[in-house]
Amino acid sequence: MGVEPPHDQSLEEALRESLPVDASQRVSVSEVASTLETVVLNENQNHILRQAALLTYKAEINQLRSQLHQVVNNRVLKTK
């Protein structure tokens, strides 16, 4: 037994009103499913790309931080 999402009457009515009256203009369930699958895949890919970019930036920041510490430590040692 699956859990059903809450029923949204206004959403259902809006969808029903937006459907074309002419049956020839209606799309099949498989076309809708395919389009939704493409949208979800694109969103997932975009999320992965954003996460990869964030990790790259973090790695670059850590590398720069390490270089800064090395420079500071070298200057401290030279002044002693």
N, C-alpha and C. Protein backbone atom coordinates (compact mmCIF):
# COMPACT_ATOMS: atom_id res chain seq x y z
N MET A 1 0.83 -1.19 0.00
CA MET A 1 0.00 0.00 0.00
C MET A 1 0.87 1.25 0.00
N GLY A 2 0.73 2.05 -1.06
CA GLY A 2 1.50 3.27 -1.14
C GLY A 2 0.77 4.42 -0.47
N VAL A 3 1.54 5.42 -0.13
CA VAL A 3 0.96 6.61 0.47
C VAL A 3 0.55 7.55 -0.65
N GLU A 4 -0.69 7.99 -0.62
CA GLU A 4 -1.17 8.90 -1.65
C GLU A 4 -0.88 10.34 -1.24
N PRO A 5 -0.49 11.18 -2.23
CA PRO A 5 -0.26 12.59 -1.90
C PRO A 5 -1.57 13.26 -1.56
N PRO A 6 -1.51 14.36 -0.82
CA PRO A 6 -2.75 15.06 -0.47
C PRO A 6 -3.48 15.51 -1.74
N HIS A 7 -4.79 15.47 -1.70
CA HIS A 7 -5.60 15.83 -2.86
C HIS A 7 -5.76 17.35 -2.91
N ASP A 8 -5.39 17.92 -4.03
CA ASP A 8 -5.50 19.37 -4.20
C ASP A 8 -6.57 19.65 -5.25
N GLN A 9 -7.77 19.98 -4.79
CA GLN A 9 -8.92 20.20 -5.67
C GLN A 9 -8.66 21.34 -6.65
N SER A 10 -8.08 22.45 -6.17
CA SER A 10 -7.87 23.60 -7.05
C SER A 10 -6.85 23.28 -8.15
N LEU A 11 -5.83 22.52 -7.81
CA LEU A 11 -4.84 22.12 -8.81
C LEU A 11 -5.49 21.23 -9.85
N GLU A 12 -6.29 20.29 -9.39
CA GLU A 12 -6.97 19.38 -10.31
C GLU A 12 -7.89 20.16 -11.26
N GLU A 13 -8.63 21.13 -10.73
CA GLU A 13 -9.53 21.93 -11.56
C GLU A 13 -8.75 22.76 -12.57
N ALA A 14 -7.63 23.34 -12.14
CA ALA A 14 -6.81 24.14 -13.05
C ALA A 14 -6.26 23.28 -14.18
N LEU A 15 -5.83 22.06 -13.84
CA LEU A 15 -5.32 21.16 -14.87
C LEU A 15 -6.43 20.77 -15.84
N ARG A 16 -7.59 20.47 -15.30
CA ARG A 16 -8.72 20.07 -16.14
C ARG A 16 -9.11 21.21 -17.08
N GLU A 17 -9.11 22.45 -16.58
CA GLU A 17 -9.47 23.60 -17.41
C GLU A 17 -8.43 23.88 -18.48
N SER A 18 -7.17 23.53 -18.19
CA SER A 18 -6.12 23.81 -19.16
C SER A 18 -6.01 22.75 -20.25
N LEU A 19 -6.70 21.61 -20.07
CA LEU A 19 -6.65 20.56 -21.09
C LEU A 19 -7.42 21.00 -22.33
N PRO A 20 -6.88 20.72 -23.50
CA PRO A 20 -7.61 21.07 -24.72
C PRO A 20 -8.90 20.24 -24.83
N VAL A 21 -9.93 20.88 -25.35
CA VAL A 21 -11.20 20.18 -25.53
C VAL A 21 -11.09 19.20 -26.70
N ASP A 22 -10.38 19.58 -27.73
CA ASP A 22 -10.19 18.74 -28.91
C ASP A 22 -9.25 17.59 -28.56
N ALA A 23 -9.72 16.38 -28.69
CA ALA A 23 -8.93 15.20 -28.32
C ALA A 23 -7.66 15.09 -29.15
N SER A 24 -7.66 15.61 -30.37
CA SER A 24 -6.48 15.51 -31.23
C SER A 24 -5.33 16.36 -30.71
N GLN A 25 -5.65 17.35 -29.86
CA GLN A 25 -4.61 18.23 -29.31
C GLN A 25 -4.04 17.70 -28.00
N ARG A 26 -4.64 16.67 -27.45
CA ARG A 26 -4.17 16.13 -26.18
C ARG A 26 -2.92 15.28 -26.40
N VAL A 27 -2.08 15.28 -25.41
CA VAL A 27 -0.86 14.47 -25.49
C VAL A 27 -1.07 13.18 -24.70
N SER A 28 -0.29 12.19 -25.05
CA SER A 28 -0.44 10.91 -24.37
C SER A 28 0.27 10.95 -23.02
N VAL A 29 -0.10 10.03 -22.17
CA VAL A 29 0.53 9.92 -20.86
C VAL A 29 2.01 9.64 -21.03
N SER A 30 2.38 8.83 -22.00
CA SER A 30 3.80 8.52 -22.19
C SER A 30 4.59 9.75 -22.64
N GLU A 31 3.95 10.65 -23.43
CA GLU A 31 4.64 11.88 -23.82
C GLU A 31 4.87 12.77 -22.61
N VAL A 32 3.87 12.87 -21.75
CA VAL A 32 4.02 13.67 -20.53
C VAL A 32 5.09 13.06 -19.64
N ALA A 33 5.03 11.73 -19.48
CA ALA A 33 6.02 11.05 -18.63
C ALA A 33 7.43 11.24 -19.18
N SER A 34 7.57 11.15 -20.49
CA SER A 34 8.88 11.33 -21.10
C SER A 34 9.40 12.75 -20.90
N THR A 35 8.52 13.72 -21.05
CA THR A 35 8.91 15.12 -20.84
C THR A 35 9.30 15.36 -19.39
N LEU A 36 8.50 14.82 -18.47
CA LEU A 36 8.82 14.99 -17.05
C LEU A 36 10.15 14.31 -16.71
N GLU A 37 10.38 13.15 -17.29
CA GLU A 37 11.64 12.44 -17.05
C GLU A 37 12.82 13.27 -17.54
N THR A 38 12.66 13.88 -18.70
CA THR A 38 13.72 14.73 -19.25
C THR A 38 13.97 15.93 -18.35
N VAL A 39 12.90 16.55 -17.86
CA VAL A 39 13.04 17.70 -16.97
C VAL A 39 13.76 17.29 -15.69
N VAL A 40 13.35 16.17 -15.11
CA VAL A 40 13.98 15.70 -13.87
C VAL A 40 15.45 15.38 -14.10
N LEU A 41 15.76 14.71 -15.21
CA LEU A 41 17.16 14.38 -15.52
C LEU A 41 17.98 15.65 -15.70
N ASN A 42 17.41 16.64 -16.38
CA ASN A 42 18.13 17.90 -16.57
C ASN A 42 18.36 18.61 -15.24
N GLU A 43 17.35 18.61 -14.38
CA GLU A 43 17.50 19.24 -13.06
C GLU A 43 18.56 18.51 -12.24
N ASN A 44 18.55 17.18 -12.29
CA ASN A 44 19.55 16.40 -11.56
C ASN A 44 20.95 16.67 -12.10
N GLN A 45 21.06 16.75 -13.41
CA GLN A 45 22.37 17.03 -14.02
C GLN A 45 22.85 18.43 -13.61
N ASN A 46 21.94 19.41 -13.65
CA ASN A 46 22.31 20.77 -13.24
C ASN A 46 22.75 20.80 -11.78
N HIS A 47 22.05 20.05 -10.93
CA HIS A 47 22.41 19.99 -9.51
C HIS A 47 23.81 19.39 -9.35
N ILE A 48 24.08 18.31 -10.07
CA ILE A 48 25.39 17.66 -10.00
C ILE A 48 26.48 18.60 -10.48
N LEU A 49 26.22 19.33 -11.56
CA LEU A 49 27.22 20.28 -12.07
C LEU A 49 27.47 21.41 -11.08
N ARG A 50 26.40 21.90 -10.42
CA ARG A 50 26.58 22.94 -9.41
C ARG A 50 27.39 22.42 -8.23
N GLN A 51 27.11 21.18 -7.81
CA GLN A 51 27.85 20.58 -6.70
C GLN A 51 29.32 20.39 -7.07
N ALA A 52 29.58 19.95 -8.30
CA ALA A 52 30.96 19.76 -8.75
C ALA A 52 31.70 21.10 -8.77
N ALA A 53 31.03 22.14 -9.25
CA ALA A 53 31.66 23.47 -9.28
C ALA A 53 31.95 23.95 -7.86
N LEU A 54 31.02 23.72 -6.95
CA LEU A 54 31.21 24.12 -5.56
C LEU A 54 32.40 23.39 -4.94
N LEU A 55 32.51 22.09 -5.21
CA LEU A 55 33.64 21.32 -4.68
C LEU A 55 34.96 21.81 -5.26
N THR A 56 34.94 22.17 -6.55
CA THR A 56 36.15 22.69 -7.19
C THR A 56 36.56 24.01 -6.53
N TYR A 57 35.60 24.90 -6.31
CA TYR A 57 35.90 26.17 -5.66
C TYR A 57 36.44 25.95 -4.25
N LYS A 58 35.84 25.01 -3.52
CA LYS A 58 36.31 24.74 -2.16
C LYS A 58 37.74 24.22 -2.18
N ALA A 59 38.04 23.35 -3.14
CA ALA A 59 39.40 22.82 -3.25
C ALA A 59 40.38 23.93 -3.58
N GLU A 60 40.00 24.82 -4.47
CA GLU A 60 40.86 25.95 -4.84
C GLU A 60 41.08 26.87 -3.64
N ILE A 61 40.03 27.12 -2.89
CA ILE A 61 40.14 27.97 -1.69
C ILE A 61 41.08 27.33 -0.68
N ASN A 62 40.92 26.02 -0.47
CA ASN A 62 41.80 25.33 0.48
C ASN A 62 43.25 25.37 0.02
N GLN A 63 43.48 25.23 -1.29
CA GLN A 63 44.84 25.28 -1.81
C GLN A 63 45.43 26.68 -1.60
N LEU A 64 44.64 27.71 -1.88
CA LEU A 64 45.13 29.08 -1.67
C LEU A 64 45.39 29.37 -0.20
N ARG A 65 44.52 28.84 0.66
CA ARG A 65 44.70 29.02 2.10
C ARG A 65 46.01 28.36 2.55
N SER A 66 46.26 27.18 2.02
CA SER A 66 47.50 26.47 2.37
C SER A 66 48.72 27.26 1.89
N GLN A 67 48.65 27.79 0.68
CA GLN A 67 49.76 28.59 0.15
C GLN A 67 49.98 29.85 1.00
N LEU A 68 48.89 30.47 1.42
CA LEU A 68 48.99 31.66 2.25
C LEU A 68 49.67 31.33 3.58
N HIS A 69 49.28 30.22 4.19
CA HIS A 69 49.91 29.81 5.45
C HIS A 69 51.40 29.55 5.26
N GLN A 70 51.77 28.96 4.13
CA GLN A 70 53.18 28.70 3.86
C GLN A 70 53.95 30.00 3.74
N VAL A 71 53.38 30.98 3.03
CA VAL A 71 54.05 32.27 2.86
C VAL A 71 54.20 32.96 4.21
N VAL A 72 53.13 32.95 5.00
CA VAL A 72 53.17 33.59 6.32
C VAL A 72 54.20 32.90 7.20
N ASN A 73 54.22 31.58 7.20
CA ASN A 73 55.18 30.84 8.02
C ASN A 73 56.61 31.10 7.57
N ASN A 74 56.84 31.18 6.27
CA ASN A 74 58.18 31.47 5.76
C ASN A 74 58.63 32.87 6.19
N ARG A 75 57.75 33.83 6.16
CA ARG A 75 58.11 35.19 6.56
C ARG A 75 58.37 35.27 8.06
N VAL A 76 57.58 34.54 8.83
CA VAL A 76 57.78 34.53 10.28
C VAL A 76 59.14 33.92 10.59
N LEU A 77 59.49 32.83 9.90
CA LEU A 77 60.78 32.19 10.13
C LEU A 77 61.93 33.10 9.73
N LYS A 78 61.76 33.86 8.64
CA LYS A 78 62.83 34.75 8.17
C LYS A 78 63.04 35.92 9.13
N THR A 79 62.00 36.35 9.79
CA THR A 79 62.13 37.50 10.69
C THR A 79 62.68 37.11 12.05
N LYS A 80 62.73 35.83 12.35
CA LYS A 80 63.25 35.40 13.65
C LYS A 80 64.75 35.38 13.68
